[in-house]
């Protein structure tokens, strides 16, 4: 379900709004898949929102088991952002990517 939502946002070229690490965030999905440990993950560009690190925008790698209430917005995604590389090395298996 979670990867389907991430891939739907990518295909529709829309931003995804979610709760992650206790913060509301708006992100642009660039890739979604599985880590070498089998965790569902996604590479995103965070457009706005909170962050444990204090970085409110920029590249993030997010785990599905730490993500809550993800849904598509009407906001257009600007993906791919500068610096994005297809074939994300953090992913053992990629389900969808820009």
C-alpha atoms as a PDB file:
ATOM      1  CA  UNK A   1       0.000   0.000   0.000  1.00  0.00           C
ATOM      2  CA  UNK A   2       2.698   2.484   1.014  1.00  0.00           C
ATOM      3  CA  UNK A   3       4.824   1.889  -2.101  1.00  0.00           C
ATOM      4  CA  UNK A   4       1.707   2.082  -4.269  1.00  0.00           C
ATOM      5  CA  UNK A   5       0.950   5.557  -2.870  1.00  0.00           C
ATOM      6  CA  UNK A   6       4.548   6.710  -3.433  1.00  0.00           C
ATOM      7  CA  UNK A   7       4.554   5.373  -7.005  1.00  0.00           C
ATOM      8  CA  UNK A   8       1.117   6.898  -7.693  1.00  0.00           C
ATOM      9  CA  UNK A   9       2.477  10.313  -6.663  1.00  0.00           C
ATOM     10  CA  UNK A  10       5.497   9.823  -8.915  1.00  0.00           C
ATOM     11  CA  UNK A  11       3.360   8.789 -11.924  1.00  0.00           C
ATOM     12  CA  UNK A  12       0.869  11.645 -11.381  1.00  0.00           C
ATOM     13  CA  UNK A  13       3.739  14.132 -10.932  1.00  0.00           C
ATOM     14  CA  UNK A  14       2.177  15.294  -7.660  1.00  0.00           C
ATOM     15  CA  UNK A  15       3.658  15.948  -4.237  1.00  0.00           C
ATOM     16  CA  UNK A  16       3.043  13.587  -1.353  1.00  0.00           C
ATOM     17  CA  UNK A  17       2.048  14.895   2.073  1.00  0.00           C
ATOM     18  CA  UNK A  18       2.948  12.678   5.002  1.00  0.00           C
ATOM     19  CA  UNK A  19       3.803  12.449   8.680  1.00  0.00           C
ATOM     20  CA  UNK A  20       7.365  11.266   9.302  1.00  0.00           C
ATOM     21  CA  UNK A  21       9.349  11.273  12.558  1.00  0.00           C
ATOM     22  CA  UNK A  22       6.547  13.296  14.136  1.00  0.00           C
ATOM     23  CA  UNK A  23       6.631  16.055  11.495  1.00  0.00           C
ATOM     24  CA  UNK A  24       4.291  16.984   8.671  1.00  0.00           C
ATOM     25  CA  UNK A  25       6.221  17.058   5.384  1.00  0.00           C
ATOM     26  CA  UNK A  26       5.562  17.648   1.700  1.00  0.00           C
ATOM     27  CA  UNK A  27       7.857  15.645  -0.576  1.00  0.00           C
ATOM     28  CA  UNK A  28       8.485  14.882  -4.243  1.00  0.00           C
ATOM     29  CA  UNK A  29       9.033  11.158  -4.775  1.00  0.00           C
ATOM     30  CA  UNK A  30      11.997  10.336  -7.022  1.00  0.00           C
ATOM     31  CA  UNK A  31      12.317   6.593  -6.355  1.00  0.00           C
ATOM     32  CA  UNK A  32      10.651   3.936  -4.199  1.00  0.00           C
ATOM     33  CA  UNK A  33      11.710   0.388  -3.487  1.00  0.00           C
ATOM     34  CA  UNK A  34      13.396  -1.864  -0.940  1.00  0.00           C
ATOM     35  CA  UNK A  35      16.669  -1.591   0.957  1.00  0.00           C
ATOM     36  CA  UNK A  36      19.166  -4.444   1.202  1.00  0.00           C
ATOM     37  CA  UNK A  37      17.555  -5.212   4.606  1.00  0.00           C
ATOM     38  CA  UNK A  38      14.112  -5.541   2.975  1.00  0.00           C
ATOM     39  CA  UNK A  39      12.698  -2.262   4.288  1.00  0.00           C
ATOM     40  CA  UNK A  40      10.364  -0.306   2.001  1.00  0.00           C
ATOM     41  CA  UNK A  41      12.058   3.062   1.355  1.00  0.00           C
ATOM     42  CA  UNK A  42      11.753   6.088  -0.891  1.00  0.00           C
ATOM     43  CA  UNK A  43      14.175   8.760  -2.060  1.00  0.00           C
ATOM     44  CA  UNK A  44      12.471  12.146  -1.937  1.00  0.00           C
ATOM     45  CA  UNK A  45      13.126  15.833  -2.216  1.00  0.00           C
ATOM     46  CA  UNK A  46      11.491  17.456   0.799  1.00  0.00           C
ATOM     47  CA  UNK A  47       9.767  20.645  -0.351  1.00  0.00           C
ATOM     48  CA  UNK A  48       8.765  21.833   3.115  1.00  0.00           C
ATOM     49  CA  UNK A  49       7.916  20.698   6.604  1.00  0.00           C
ATOM     50  CA  UNK A  50       9.707  19.738   9.773  1.00  0.00           C
ATOM     51  CA  UNK A  51      12.726  17.515  10.226  1.00  0.00           C
ATOM     52  CA  UNK A  52      14.658  15.965  13.110  1.00  0.00           C
ATOM     53  CA  UNK A  53      17.882  17.223  11.499  1.00  0.00           C
ATOM     54  CA  UNK A  54      16.475  20.745  11.168  1.00  0.00           C
ATOM     55  CA  UNK A  55      16.852  20.624   7.374  1.00  0.00           C
ATOM     56  CA  UNK A  56      13.398  21.616   6.138  1.00  0.00           C
ATOM     57  CA  UNK A  57      14.140  20.954   2.466  1.00  0.00           C
ATOM     58  CA  UNK A  58      16.479  18.781   0.463  1.00  0.00           C
ATOM     59  CA  UNK A  59      17.220  15.122  -0.217  1.00  0.00           C
ATOM     60  CA  UNK A  60      15.838  12.540   2.221  1.00  0.00           C
ATOM     61  CA  UNK A  61      15.711   8.744   2.351  1.00  0.00           C
ATOM     62  CA  UNK A  62      12.555   7.680   4.183  1.00  0.00           C
ATOM     63  CA  UNK A  63      11.457   4.305   5.535  1.00  0.00           C
ATOM     64  CA  UNK A  64       7.853   3.135   5.170  1.00  0.00           C
ATOM     65  CA  UNK A  65       7.649   1.884   8.752  1.00  0.00           C
ATOM     66  CA  UNK A  66       8.335   5.434   9.991  1.00  0.00           C
ATOM     67  CA  UNK A  67       5.787   7.081   7.657  1.00  0.00           C
ATOM     68  CA  UNK A  68       2.174   7.807   8.563  1.00  0.00           C
ATOM     69  CA  UNK A  69      -0.876   9.119   6.679  1.00  0.00           C
ATOM     70  CA  UNK A  70       0.727   9.583   3.251  1.00  0.00           C
ATOM     71  CA  UNK A  71      -1.570  11.019   0.575  1.00  0.00           C
ATOM     72  CA  UNK A  72      -1.299  12.773  -2.788  1.00  0.00           C
ATOM     73  CA  UNK A  73      -1.763  16.522  -2.970  1.00  0.00           C
ATOM     74  CA  UNK A  74      -2.826  18.759  -5.843  1.00  0.00           C
ATOM     75  CA  UNK A  75       0.623  20.376  -5.790  1.00  0.00           C
ATOM     76  CA  UNK A  76       2.750  19.615  -8.865  1.00  0.00           C
ATOM     77  CA  UNK A  77       6.049  17.825  -8.313  1.00  0.00           C
ATOM     78  CA  UNK A  78       9.176  19.426  -9.782  1.00  0.00           C
ATOM     79  CA  UNK A  79      10.934  16.020 -10.040  1.00  0.00           C
ATOM     80  CA  UNK A  80      13.536  15.306 -11.130  1.00  0.00           C
ATOM     81  CA  UNK A  81      15.471  17.772  -8.982  1.00  0.00           C
ATOM     82  CA  UNK A  82      19.115  18.611  -9.736  1.00  0.00           C
ATOM     83  CA  UNK A  83      21.433  15.966  -8.313  1.00  0.00           C
ATOM     84  CA  UNK A  84      19.047  13.047  -8.746  1.00  0.00           C
ATOM     85  CA  UNK A  85      20.612   9.862 -10.119  1.00  0.00           C
ATOM     86  CA  UNK A  86      18.553   6.942 -11.413  1.00  0.00           C
ATOM     87  CA  UNK A  87      19.364   3.551  -9.933  1.00  0.00           C
ATOM     88  CA  UNK A  88      19.575   4.716  -6.295  1.00  0.00           C
ATOM     89  CA  UNK A  89      22.399   2.761  -4.617  1.00  0.00           C
ATOM     90  CA  UNK A  90      20.471   2.692  -1.298  1.00  0.00           C
ATOM     91  CA  UNK A  91      17.854   0.458  -2.951  1.00  0.00           C
ATOM     92  CA  UNK A  92      18.357  -3.237  -3.524  1.00  0.00           C
ATOM     93  CA  UNK A  93      15.166  -3.371  -5.598  1.00  0.00           C
ATOM     94  CA  UNK A  94      13.535  -0.313  -7.199  1.00  0.00           C
ATOM     95  CA  UNK A  95       9.762  -0.454  -7.752  1.00  0.00           C
ATOM     96  CA  UNK A  96       9.384   2.959  -9.444  1.00  0.00           C
ATOM     97  CA  UNK A  97      11.630   5.922 -10.235  1.00  0.00           C
ATOM     98  CA  UNK A  98      11.678   9.162 -12.201  1.00  0.00           C
END
